[in-house]
Amino acid sequence: ALLDRPADCTLHGGALAMLVRDPSTRSRHLPQALRHFAEGDPQLPPSALVTALTTHPEPVLDAFRARLHRADGAEALRTLADVTTPDLARRVATLVGEAVERHPETAEDV
């Protein structure tokens, strides 16, 4: 209901964060959550999307890539450090390397 109210758009990120953490509602709300995240919504933390990496790796990594193109990607970089599944960790390492090449000032966060 909250997501259907445009007047409450500042609350959408928080609601989406909860919905994508739940496997039963993730698929339905993930596309909207990824858009909010990629656009820098401060109410949608990177940790909410990390939970979806195992079920939707490509779109989630693409959203992280978009977020890391922004100057405010430090929290996203720190969150990606928690990804330890071997296949995902390799893909995350590539993504982090790309981000540091674009924004060398983020090396400290890595």
PDB file of N, CA and C in Angstrom:
ATOM      1  N   ALA A   1       0.831  -1.199   0.000  1.00  0.00           N
ATOM      2  CA  ALA A   1       0.000   0.000   0.000  1.00  0.00           C
ATOM      3  C   ALA A   1       0.870   1.255   0.000  1.00  0.00           C
ATOM      4  N   LEU A   2       1.935   1.222   0.773  1.00  0.00           N
ATOM      5  CA  LEU A   2       2.831   2.380   0.851  1.00  0.00           C
ATOM      6  C   LEU A   2       3.451   2.688  -0.514  1.00  0.00           C
ATOM      7  N   LEU A   3       3.826   1.657  -1.242  1.00  0.00           N
ATOM      8  CA  LEU A   3       4.454   1.858  -2.544  1.00  0.00           C
ATOM      9  C   LEU A   3       3.496   2.430  -3.580  1.00  0.00           C
ATOM     10  N   ASP A   4       2.202   2.295  -3.362  1.00  0.00           N
ATOM     11  CA  ASP A   4       1.207   2.824  -4.286  1.00  0.00           C
ATOM     12  C   ASP A   4       0.907   4.299  -4.051  1.00  0.00           C
ATOM     13  N   ARG A   5       1.524   4.890  -3.032  1.00  0.00           N
ATOM     14  CA  ARG A   5       1.254   6.292  -2.703  1.00  0.00           C
ATOM     15  C   ARG A   5       2.448   7.157  -3.104  1.00  0.00           C
ATOM     16  N   PRO A   6       2.363   7.844  -4.231  1.00  0.00           N
ATOM     17  CA  PRO A   6       3.474   8.685  -4.689  1.00  0.00           C
ATOM     18  C   PRO A   6       3.865   9.766  -3.684  1.00  0.00           C
ATOM     19  N   ALA A   7       2.927  10.229  -2.895  1.00  0.00           N
ATOM     20  CA  ALA A   7       3.221  11.275  -1.921  1.00  0.00           C
ATOM     21  C   ALA A   7       4.193  10.790  -0.843  1.00  0.00           C
ATOM     22  N   ASP A   8       4.281   9.488  -0.650  1.00  0.00           N
ATOM     23  CA  ASP A   8       5.177   8.911   0.357  1.00  0.00           C
ATOM     24  C   ASP A   8       6.459   8.359  -0.257  1.00  0.00           C
ATOM     25  N   CYS A   9       6.883   8.917  -1.379  1.00  0.00           N
ATOM     26  CA  CYS A   9       8.015   8.348  -2.110  1.00  0.00           C
ATOM     27  C   CYS A   9       9.303   8.325  -1.288  1.00  0.00           C
ATOM     28  N   THR A  10       9.448   9.186  -0.300  1.00  0.00           N
ATOM     29  CA  THR A  10      10.660   9.158   0.528  1.00  0.00           C
ATOM     30  C   THR A  10      10.702   7.925   1.416  1.00  0.00           C
ATOM     31  N   LEU A  11       9.579   7.256   1.579  1.00  0.00           N
ATOM     32  CA  LEU A  11       9.520   6.041   2.390  1.00  0.00           C
ATOM     33  C   LEU A  11       9.643   4.770   1.554  1.00  0.00           C
ATOM     34  N   HIS A  12       9.606   4.901   0.252  1.00  0.00           N
ATOM     35  CA  HIS A  12       9.613   3.721  -0.611  1.00  0.00           C
ATOM     36  C   HIS A  12      10.882   2.897  -0.465  1.00  0.00           C
ATOM     37  N   GLY A  13      12.037   3.547  -0.350  1.00  0.00           N
ATOM     38  CA  GLY A  13      13.297   2.811  -0.235  1.00  0.00           C
ATOM     39  C   GLY A  13      13.309   1.884   0.968  1.00  0.00           C
ATOM     40  N   GLY A  14      12.857   2.364   2.110  1.00  0.00           N
ATOM     41  CA  GLY A  14      12.807   1.539   3.313  1.00  0.00           C
ATOM     42  C   GLY A  14      11.855   0.370   3.169  1.00  0.00           C
ATOM     43  N   ALA A  15      10.713   0.620   2.558  1.00  0.00           N
ATOM     44  CA  ALA A  15       9.740  -0.458   2.340  1.00  0.00           C
ATOM     45  C   ALA A  15      10.306  -1.495   1.376  1.00  0.00           C
ATOM     46  N   LEU A  16      10.941  -1.035   0.327  1.00  0.00           N
ATOM     47  CA  LEU A  16      11.531  -1.962  -0.642  1.00  0.00           C
ATOM     48  C   LEU A  16      12.650  -2.777  -0.022  1.00  0.00           C
ATOM     49  N   ALA A  17      13.424  -2.167   0.866  1.00  0.00           N
ATOM     50  CA  ALA A  17      14.502  -2.892   1.544  1.00  0.00           C
ATOM     51  C   ALA A  17      13.947  -4.086   2.312  1.00  0.00           C
ATOM     52  N   MET A  18      12.832  -3.881   2.988  1.00  0.00           N
ATOM     53  CA  MET A  18      12.213  -4.984   3.727  1.00  0.00           C
ATOM     54  C   MET A  18      11.679  -6.043   2.773  1.00  0.00           C
ATOM     55  N   LEU A  19      11.061  -5.612   1.705  1.00  0.00           N
ATOM     56  CA  LEU A  19      10.427  -6.553   0.775  1.00  0.00           C
ATOM     57  C   LEU A  19      11.436  -7.415   0.022  1.00  0.00           C
ATOM     58  N   VAL A  20      12.607  -6.876  -0.320  1.00  0.00           N
ATOM     59  CA  VAL A  20      13.572  -7.694  -1.064  1.00  0.00           C
ATOM     60  C   VAL A  20      14.352  -8.633  -0.158  1.00  0.00           C
ATOM     61  N   ARG A  21      14.356  -8.369   1.135  1.00  0.00           N
ATOM     62  CA  ARG A  21      14.999  -9.303   2.077  1.00  0.00           C
ATOM     63  C   ARG A  21      14.170 -10.573   2.247  1.00  0.00           C
ATOM     64  N   ASP A  22      12.883 -10.479   2.003  1.00  0.00           N
ATOM     65  CA  ASP A  22      11.976 -11.620   2.166  1.00  0.00           C
ATOM     66  C   ASP A  22      11.899 -12.388   0.848  1.00  0.00           C
ATOM     67  N   PRO A  23      12.342 -13.646   0.833  1.00  0.00           N
ATOM     68  CA  PRO A  23      12.324 -14.421  -0.417  1.00  0.00           C
ATOM     69  C   PRO A  23      10.944 -14.531  -1.062  1.00  0.00           C
ATOM     70  N   SER A  24       9.890 -14.461  -0.270  1.00  0.00           N
ATOM     71  CA  SER A  24       8.549 -14.622  -0.847  1.00  0.00           C
ATOM     72  C   SER A  24       8.057 -13.361  -1.562  1.00  0.00           C
ATOM     73  N   THR A  25       8.636 -12.196  -1.281  1.00  0.00           N
ATOM     74  CA  THR A  25       8.214 -10.964  -1.952  1.00  0.00           C
ATOM     75  C   THR A  25       9.326 -10.377  -2.827  1.00  0.00           C
ATOM     76  N   ARG A  26      10.492 -10.984  -2.787  1.00  0.00           N
ATOM     77  CA  ARG A  26      11.665 -10.440  -3.478  1.00  0.00           C
ATOM     78  C   ARG A  26      11.443 -10.244  -4.970  1.00  0.00           C
ATOM     79  N   SER A  27      11.032 -11.277  -5.663  1.00  0.00           N
ATOM     80  CA  SER A  27      10.920 -11.201  -7.125  1.00  0.00           C
ATOM     81  C   SER A  27       9.990 -10.087  -7.581  1.00  0.00           C
ATOM     82  N   ARG A  28       8.907  -9.919  -6.874  1.00  0.00           N
ATOM     83  CA  ARG A  28       7.921  -8.903  -7.264  1.00  0.00           C
ATOM     84  C   ARG A  28       8.462  -7.487  -7.111  1.00  0.00           C
ATOM     85  N   HIS A  29       9.246  -7.246  -6.077  1.00  0.00           N
ATOM     86  CA  HIS A  29       9.676  -5.885  -5.762  1.00  0.00           C
ATOM     87  C   HIS A  29      11.130  -5.579  -6.115  1.00  0.00           C
ATOM     88  N   LEU A  30      11.871  -6.591  -6.522  1.00  0.00           N
ATOM     89  CA  LEU A  30      13.287  -6.375  -6.799  1.00  0.00           C
ATOM     90  C   LEU A  30      13.558  -5.357  -7.909  1.00  0.00           C
ATOM     91  N   PRO A  31      12.874  -5.389  -9.036  1.00  0.00           N
ATOM     92  CA  PRO A  31      13.177  -4.394 -10.079  1.00  0.00           C
ATOM     93  C   PRO A  31      13.061  -2.951  -9.591  1.00  0.00           C
ATOM     94  N   GLN A  32      12.018  -2.664  -8.833  1.00  0.00           N
ATOM     95  CA  GLN A  32      11.832  -1.308  -8.307  1.00  0.00           C
ATOM     96  C   GLN A  32      12.914  -0.991  -7.275  1.00  0.00           C
ATOM     97  N   ALA A  33      13.249  -1.946  -6.441  1.00  0.00           N
ATOM     98  CA  ALA A  33      14.293  -1.740  -5.438  1.00  0.00           C
ATOM     99  C   ALA A  33      15.640  -1.474  -6.105  1.00  0.00           C
ATOM    100  N   LEU A  34      15.934  -2.203  -7.161  1.00  0.00           N
ATOM    101  CA  LEU A  34      17.203  -2.010  -7.861  1.00  0.00           C
ATOM    102  C   LEU A  34      17.287  -0.616  -8.474  1.00  0.00           C
ATOM    103  N   ARG A  35      16.179  -0.132  -9.017  1.00  0.00           N
ATOM    104  CA  ARG A  35      16.168   1.235  -9.565  1.00  0.00           C
ATOM    105  C   ARG A  35      16.435   2.258  -8.467  1.00  0.00           C
ATOM    106  N   HIS A  36      15.753   2.109  -7.343  1.00  0.00           N
ATOM    107  CA  HIS A  36      15.947   3.041  -6.223  1.00  0.00           C
ATOM    108  C   HIS A  36      17.398   3.013  -5.747  1.00  0.00           C
ATOM    109  N   PHE A  37      17.937   1.824  -5.605  1.00  0.00           N
ATOM    110  CA  PHE A  37      19.305   1.677  -5.129  1.00  0.00           C
ATOM    111  C   PHE A  37      20.299   2.307  -6.101  1.00  0.00           C
ATOM    112  N   ALA A  38      20.158   1.987  -7.378  1.00  0.00           N
ATOM    113  CA  ALA A  38      21.082   2.512  -8.386  1.00  0.00           C
ATOM    114  C   ALA A  38      21.041   4.033  -8.443  1.00  0.00           C
ATOM    115  N   GLU A  39      19.877   4.606  -8.144  1.00  0.00           N
ATOM    116  CA  GLU A  39      19.729   6.063  -8.159  1.00  0.00           C
ATOM    117  C   GLU A  39      20.202   6.715  -6.867  1.00  0.00           C
ATOM    118  N   GLY A  40      20.635   5.904  -5.909  1.00  0.00           N
ATOM    119  CA  GLY A  40      21.200   6.454  -4.678  1.00  0.00           C
ATOM    120  C   GLY A  40      20.218   6.686  -3.551  1.00  0.00           C
ATOM    121  N   ASP A  41      19.102   6.007  -3.545  1.00  0.00           N
ATOM    122  CA  ASP A  41      18.119   6.169  -2.473  1.00  0.00           C
ATOM    123  C   ASP A  41      18.777   5.859  -1.125  1.00  0.00           C
ATOM    124  N   PRO A  42      18.877   6.831  -0.239  1.00  0.00           N
ATOM    125  CA  PRO A  42      19.549   6.607   1.048  1.00  0.00           C
ATOM    126  C   PRO A  42      18.770   5.698   2.000  1.00  0.00           C
ATOM    127  N   GLN A  43      17.507   5.455   1.725  1.00  0.00           N
ATOM    128  CA  GLN A  43      16.687   4.602   2.586  1.00  0.00           C
ATOM    129  C   GLN A  43      16.788   3.128   2.215  1.00  0.00           C
ATOM    130  N   LEU A  44      17.476   2.825   1.105  1.00  0.00           N
ATOM    131  CA  LEU A  44      17.618   1.447   0.672  1.00  0.00           C
ATOM    132  C   LEU A  44      19.092   1.070   0.794  1.00  0.00           C
ATOM    133  N   PRO A  45      19.469   0.450   1.901  1.00  0.00           N
ATOM    134  CA  PRO A  45      20.878   0.149   2.143  1.00  0.00           C
ATOM    135  C   PRO A  45      21.393  -0.993   1.268  1.00  0.00           C
ATOM    136  N   PRO A  46      22.677  -0.973   0.967  1.00  0.00           N
ATOM    137  CA  PRO A  46      23.259  -2.056   0.165  1.00  0.00           C
ATOM    138  C   PRO A  46      23.040  -3.432   0.778  1.00  0.00           C
ATOM    139  N   SER A  47      23.006  -3.518   2.079  1.00  0.00           N
ATOM    140  CA  SER A  47      22.827  -4.815   2.746  1.00  0.00           C
ATOM    141  C   SER A  47      21.503  -5.476   2.364  1.00  0.00           C
ATOM    142  N   ALA A  48      20.494  -4.695   2.047  1.00  0.00           N
ATOM    143  CA  ALA A  48      19.205  -5.264   1.645  1.00  0.00           C
ATOM    144  C   ALA A  48      19.327  -6.007   0.322  1.00  0.00           C
ATOM    145  N   LEU A  49      20.163  -5.506  -0.568  1.00  0.00           N
ATOM    146  CA  LEU A  49      20.295  -6.137  -1.878  1.00  0.00           C
ATOM    147  C   LEU A  49      21.268  -7.302  -1.883  1.00  0.00           C
ATOM    148  N   VAL A  50      22.209  -7.309  -0.965  1.00  0.00           N
ATOM    149  CA  VAL A  50      23.165  -8.417  -0.906  1.00  0.00           C
ATOM    150  C   VAL A  50      22.423  -9.733  -0.699  1.00  0.00           C
ATOM    151  N   THR A  51      21.325  -9.701   0.025  1.00  0.00           N
ATOM    152  CA  THR A  51      20.555 -10.925   0.246  1.00  0.00           C
ATOM    153  C   THR A  51      19.991 -11.487  -1.059  1.00  0.00           C
ATOM    154  N   ALA A  52      19.813 -10.630  -2.053  1.00  0.00           N
ATOM    155  CA  ALA A  52      19.254 -11.069  -3.337  1.00  0.00           C
ATOM    156  C   ALA A  52      20.329 -11.505  -4.331  1.00  0.00           C
ATOM    157  N   LEU A  53      21.584 -11.390  -3.956  1.00  0.00           N
ATOM    158  CA  LEU A  53      22.656 -11.789  -4.874  1.00  0.00           C
ATOM    159  C   LEU A  53      22.584 -13.265  -5.250  1.00  0.00           C
ATOM    160  N   THR A  54      22.234 -14.105  -4.311  1.00  0.00           N
ATOM    161  CA  THR A  54      22.218 -15.544  -4.607  1.00  0.00           C
ATOM    162  C   THR A  54      21.060 -15.930  -5.525  1.00  0.00           C
ATOM    163  N   THR A  55      19.978 -15.193  -5.480  1.00  0.00           N
ATOM    164  CA  THR A  55      18.821 -15.544  -6.305  1.00  0.00           C
ATOM    165  C   THR A  55      18.750 -14.745  -7.604  1.00  0.00           C
ATOM    166  N   HIS A  56      19.306 -13.552  -7.625  1.00  0.00           N
ATOM    167  CA  HIS A  56      19.243 -12.667  -8.799  1.00  0.00           C
ATOM    168  C   HIS A  56      20.591 -11.974  -9.009  1.00  0.00           C
ATOM    169  N   PRO A  57      21.665 -12.728  -9.236  1.00  0.00           N
ATOM    170  CA  PRO A  57      22.992 -12.121  -9.263  1.00  0.00           C
ATOM    171  C   PRO A  57      23.196 -11.041 -10.333  1.00  0.00           C
ATOM    172  N   GLU A  58      22.742 -11.285 -11.546  1.00  0.00           N
ATOM    173  CA  GLU A  58      23.006 -10.315 -12.620  1.00  0.00           C
ATOM    174  C   GLU A  58      22.365  -8.951 -12.365  1.00  0.00           C
ATOM    175  N   PRO A  59      21.055  -8.887 -12.115  1.00  0.00           N
ATOM    176  CA  PRO A  59      20.472  -7.560 -11.908  1.00  0.00           C
ATOM    177  C   PRO A  59      21.000  -6.868 -10.649  1.00  0.00           C
ATOM    178  N   VAL A  60      21.301  -7.644  -9.610  1.00  0.00           N
ATOM    179  CA  VAL A  60      21.817  -7.029  -8.379  1.00  0.00           C
ATOM    180  C   VAL A  60      23.219  -6.484  -8.625  1.00  0.00           C
ATOM    181  N   LEU A  61      24.071  -7.237  -9.293  1.00  0.00           N
ATOM    182  CA  LEU A  61      25.416  -6.737  -9.600  1.00  0.00           C
ATOM    183  C   LEU A  61      25.353  -5.519 -10.515  1.00  0.00           C
ATOM    184  N   ASP A  62      24.416  -5.507 -11.449  1.00  0.00           N
ATOM    185  CA  ASP A  62      24.249  -4.332 -12.313  1.00  0.00           C
ATOM    186  C   ASP A  62      23.848  -3.100 -11.510  1.00  0.00           C
ATOM    187  N   ALA A  63      22.973  -3.291 -10.519  1.00  0.00           N
ATOM    188  CA  ALA A  63      22.570  -2.160  -9.672  1.00  0.00           C
ATOM    189  C   ALA A  63      23.741  -1.664  -8.830  1.00  0.00           C
ATOM    190  N   PHE A  64      24.532  -2.593  -8.304  1.00  0.00           N
ATOM    191  CA  PHE A  64      25.726  -2.183  -7.558  1.00  0.00           C
ATOM    192  C   PHE A  64      26.690  -1.442  -8.480  1.00  0.00           C
ATOM    193  N   ARG A  65      26.842  -1.924  -9.702  1.00  0.00           N
ATOM    194  CA  ARG A  65      27.726  -1.261 -10.663  1.00  0.00           C
ATOM    195  C   ARG A  65      27.263   0.179 -10.892  1.00  0.00           C
ATOM    196  N   ALA A  66      25.966   0.358 -11.087  1.00  0.00           N
ATOM    197  CA  ALA A  66      25.425   1.706 -11.288  1.00  0.00           C
ATOM    198  C   ALA A  66      25.654   2.571 -10.054  1.00  0.00           C
ATOM    199  N   ARG A  67      25.444   2.014  -8.875  1.00  0.00           N
ATOM    200  CA  ARG A  67      25.633   2.769  -7.635  1.00  0.00           C
ATOM    201  C   ARG A  67      27.097   3.149  -7.461  1.00  0.00           C
ATOM    202  N   LEU A  68      27.998   2.246  -7.847  1.00  0.00           N
ATOM    203  CA  LEU A  68      29.419   2.517  -7.698  1.00  0.00           C
ATOM    204  C   LEU A  68      29.928   3.533  -8.717  1.00  0.00           C
ATOM    205  N   HIS A  69      29.158   3.800  -9.747  1.00  0.00           N
ATOM    206  CA  HIS A  69      29.510   4.866 -10.690  1.00  0.00           C
ATOM    207  C   HIS A  69      29.314   6.227 -10.031  1.00  0.00           C
ATOM    208  N   ARG A  70      28.511   6.264  -8.997  1.00  0.00           N
ATOM    209  CA  ARG A  70      28.236   7.507  -8.281  1.00  0.00           C
ATOM    210  C   ARG A  70      29.359   7.763  -7.277  1.00  0.00           C
ATOM    211  N   ALA A  71      29.478   8.977  -6.864  1.00  0.00           N
ATOM    212  CA  ALA A  71      30.530   9.342  -5.907  1.00  0.00           C
ATOM    213  C   ALA A  71      30.234   8.835  -4.501  1.00  0.00           C
ATOM    214  N   ASP A  72      29.002   8.420  -4.225  1.00  0.00           N
ATOM    215  CA  ASP A  72      28.624   8.000  -2.870  1.00  0.00           C
ATOM    216  C   ASP A  72      28.584   6.478  -2.719  1.00  0.00           C
ATOM    217  N   GLY A  73      29.499   5.772  -3.348  1.00  0.00           N
ATOM    218  CA  GLY A  73      29.471   4.316  -3.347  1.00  0.00           C
ATOM    219  C   GLY A  73      30.249   3.640  -2.237  1.00  0.00           C
ATOM    220  N   ALA A  74      30.785   4.399  -1.276  1.00  0.00           N
ATOM    221  CA  ALA A  74      31.634   3.807  -0.236  1.00  0.00           C
ATOM    222  C   ALA A  74      30.909   2.730   0.568  1.00  0.00           C
ATOM    223  N   GLU A  75      29.685   2.999   0.986  1.00  0.00           N
ATOM    224  CA  GLU A  75      28.948   2.013   1.780  1.00  0.00           C
ATOM    225  C   GLU A  75      28.693   0.746   0.958  1.00  0.00           C
ATOM    226  N   ALA A  76      28.402   0.918  -0.316  1.00  0.00           N
ATOM    227  CA  ALA A  76      28.190  -0.238  -1.181  1.00  0.00           C
ATOM    228  C   ALA A  76      29.462  -1.074  -1.283  1.00  0.00           C
ATOM    229  N   LEU A  77      30.610  -0.418  -1.396  1.00  0.00           N
ATOM    230  CA  LEU A  77      31.882  -1.150  -1.450  1.00  0.00           C
ATOM    231  C   LEU A  77      32.115  -1.940  -0.171  1.00  0.00           C
ATOM    232  N   ARG A  78      31.885  -1.309   0.959  1.00  0.00           N
ATOM    233  CA  ARG A  78      32.098  -1.997   2.241  1.00  0.00           C
ATOM    234  C   ARG A  78      31.143  -3.181   2.394  1.00  0.00           C
ATOM    235  N   THR A  79      29.936  -3.048   1.921  1.00  0.00           N
ATOM    236  CA  THR A  79      28.955  -4.130   2.017  1.00  0.00           C
ATOM    237  C   THR A  79      29.348  -5.301   1.134  1.00  0.00           C
ATOM    238  N   LEU A  80      29.869  -5.018  -0.034  1.00  0.00           N
ATOM    239  CA  LEU A  80      30.272  -6.095  -0.947  1.00  0.00           C
ATOM    240  C   LEU A  80      31.395  -6.943  -0.362  1.00  0.00           C
ATOM    241  N   ALA A  81      32.132  -6.414   0.580  1.00  0.00           N
ATOM    242  CA  ALA A  81      33.218  -7.175   1.211  1.00  0.00           C
ATOM    243  C   ALA A  81      32.679  -8.388   1.964  1.00  0.00           C
ATOM    244  N   ASP A  82      31.409  -8.383   2.307  1.00  0.00           N
ATOM    245  CA  ASP A  82      30.813  -9.498   3.038  1.00  0.00           C
ATOM    246  C   ASP A  82      30.403 -10.665   2.140  1.00  0.00           C
ATOM    247  N   VAL A  83      30.519 -10.488   0.832  1.00  0.00           N
ATOM    248  CA  VAL A  83      30.151 -11.555  -0.099  1.00  0.00           C
ATOM    249  C   VAL A  83      31.306 -12.544  -0.165  1.00  0.00           C
ATOM    250  N   THR A  84      31.059 -13.767   0.310  1.00  0.00           N
ATOM    251  CA  THR A  84      32.140 -14.759   0.392  1.00  0.00           C
ATOM    252  C   THR A  84      31.881 -16.027  -0.408  1.00  0.00           C
ATOM    253  N   THR A  85      30.713 -16.168  -0.992  1.00  0.00           N
ATOM    254  CA  THR A  85      30.441 -17.317  -1.843  1.00  0.00           C
ATOM    255  C   THR A  85      31.421 -17.263  -3.013  1.00  0.00           C
ATOM    256  N   PRO A  86      32.200 -18.326  -3.252  1.00  0.00           N
ATOM    257  CA  PRO A  86      33.285 -18.252  -4.251  1.00  0.00           C
ATOM    258  C   PRO A  86      32.895 -17.666  -5.610  1.00  0.00           C
ATOM    259  N   ASP A  87      31.822 -18.160  -6.230  1.00  0.00           N
ATOM    260  CA  ASP A  87      31.442 -17.640  -7.545  1.00  0.00           C
ATOM    261  C   ASP A  87      31.082 -16.166  -7.475  1.00  0.00           C
ATOM    262  N   LEU A  88      30.289 -15.797  -6.481  1.00  0.00           N
ATOM    263  CA  LEU A  88      29.891 -14.402  -6.349  1.00  0.00           C
ATOM    264  C   LEU A  88      31.070 -13.522  -5.945  1.00  0.00           C
ATOM    265  N   ALA A  89      31.942 -14.024  -5.096  1.00  0.00           N
ATOM    266  CA  ALA A  89      33.093 -13.239  -4.641  1.00  0.00           C
ATOM    267  C   ALA A  89      33.993 -12.857  -5.820  1.00  0.00           C
ATOM    268  N   ARG A  90      34.180 -13.751  -6.758  1.00  0.00           N
ATOM    269  CA  ARG A  90      34.992 -13.430  -7.948  1.00  0.00           C
ATOM    270  C   ARG A  90      34.341 -12.323  -8.762  1.00  0.00           C
ATOM    271  N   ARG A  91      33.038 -12.416  -8.919  1.00  0.00           N
ATOM    272  CA  ARG A  91      32.320 -11.400  -9.693  1.00  0.00           C
ATOM    273  C   ARG A  91      32.325 -10.059  -8.968  1.00  0.00           C
ATOM    274  N   VAL A  92      32.191 -10.111  -7.663  1.00  0.00           N
ATOM    275  CA  VAL A  92      32.241  -8.887  -6.862  1.00  0.00           C
ATOM    276  C   VAL A  92      33.630  -8.262  -6.931  1.00  0.00           C
ATOM    277  N   ALA A  93      34.670  -9.097  -6.884  1.00  0.00           N
ATOM    278  CA  ALA A  93      36.039  -8.574  -6.970  1.00  0.00           C
ATOM    279  C   ALA A  93      36.259  -7.825  -8.281  1.00  0.00           C
ATOM    280  N   THR A  94      35.734  -8.340  -9.350  1.00  0.00           N
ATOM    281  CA  THR A  94      35.834  -7.662 -10.646  1.00  0.00           C
ATOM    282  C   THR A  94      35.110  -6.321 -10.598  1.00  0.00           C
ATOM    283  N   LEU A  95      33.921  -6.329 -10.033  1.00  0.00           N
ATOM    284  CA  LEU A  95      33.123  -5.113  -9.906  1.00  0.00           C
ATOM    285  C   LEU A  95      33.835  -4.063  -9.043  1.00  0.00           C
ATOM    286  N   VAL A  96      34.411  -4.498  -7.947  1.00  0.00           N
ATOM    287  CA  VAL A  96      35.132  -3.584  -7.060  1.00  0.00           C
ATOM    288  C   VAL A  96      36.356  -3.012  -7.776  1.00  0.00           C
ATOM    289  N   GLY A  97      37.058  -3.847  -8.516  1.00  0.00           N
ATOM    290  CA  GLY A  97      38.212  -3.369  -9.279  1.00  0.00           C
ATOM    291  C   GLY A  97      37.827  -2.278 -10.270  1.00  0.00           C
ATOM    292  N   GLU A  98      36.705  -2.476 -10.950  1.00  0.00           N
ATOM    293  CA  GLU A  98      36.205  -1.463 -11.891  1.00  0.00           C
ATOM    294  C   GLU A  98      35.897  -0.154 -11.165  1.00  0.00           C
ATOM    295  N   ALA A  99      35.290  -0.280 -10.004  1.00  0.00           N
ATOM    296  CA  ALA A  99      34.907   0.912  -9.238  1.00  0.00           C
ATOM    297  C   ALA A  99      36.130   1.703  -8.791  1.00  0.00           C
ATOM    298  N   VAL A 100      37.144   1.005  -8.345  1.00  0.00           N
ATOM    299  CA  VAL A 100      38.352   1.695  -7.874  1.00  0.00           C
ATOM    300  C   VAL A 100      39.090   2.359  -9.040  1.00  0.00           C
ATOM    301  N   GLU A 101      39.054   1.733 -10.202  1.00  0.00           N
ATOM    302  CA  GLU A 101      39.664   2.367 -11.372  1.00  0.00           C
ATOM    303  C   GLU A 101      38.974   3.680 -11.702  1.00  0.00           C
ATOM    304  N   ARG A 102      37.646   3.716 -11.599  1.00  0.00           N
ATOM    305  CA  ARG A 102      36.883   4.927 -11.888  1.00  0.00           C
ATOM    306  C   ARG A 102      37.009   5.970 -10.790  1.00  0.00           C
ATOM    307  N   HIS A 103      37.050   5.517  -9.547  1.00  0.00           N
ATOM    308  CA  HIS A 103      37.100   6.424  -8.390  1.00  0.00           C
ATOM    309  C   HIS A 103      38.231   5.977  -7.458  1.00  0.00           C
ATOM    310  N   PRO A 104      39.476   6.322  -7.774  1.00  0.00           N
ATOM    311  CA  PRO A 104      40.610   5.880  -6.947  1.00  0.00           C
ATOM    312  C   PRO A 104      40.494   6.300  -5.491  1.00  0.00           C
ATOM    313  N   GLU A 105      39.754   7.340  -5.220  1.00  0.00           N
ATOM    314  CA  GLU A 105      39.602   7.804  -3.837  1.00  0.00           C
ATOM    315  C   GLU A 105      38.832   6.803  -2.975  1.00  0.00           C
ATOM    316  N   THR A 106      38.193   5.833  -3.583  1.00  0.00           N
ATOM    317  CA  THR A 106      37.458   4.827  -2.815  1.00  0.00           C
ATOM    318  C   THR A 106      38.346   3.656  -2.383  1.00  0.00           C
ATOM    319  N   ALA A 107      39.589   3.678  -2.760  1.00  0.00           N
ATOM    320  CA  ALA A 107      40.500   2.570  -2.419  1.00  0.00           C
ATOM    321  C   ALA A 107      40.542   2.336  -0.910  1.00  0.00           C
ATOM    322  N   GLU A 108      40.445   3.392  -0.129  1.00  0.00           N
ATOM    323  CA  GLU A 108      40.454   3.238   1.328  1.00  0.00           C
ATOM    324  C   GLU A 108      39.267   2.399   1.807  1.00  0.00           C
ATOM    325  N   ASP A 109      38.131   2.557   1.167  1.00  0.00           N
ATOM    326  CA  ASP A 109      36.951   1.777   1.535  1.00  0.00           C
ATOM    327  C   ASP A 109      37.103   0.310   1.147  1.00  0.00           C
ATOM    328  N   VAL A 110      37.878   0.060   0.104  1.00  0.00           N
ATOM    329  CA  VAL A 110      38.107  -1.317  -0.320  1.00  0.00           C
ATOM    330  C   VAL A 110      39.034  -1.975   0.678  1.00  0.00           C
TER     331      VAL A 110
END
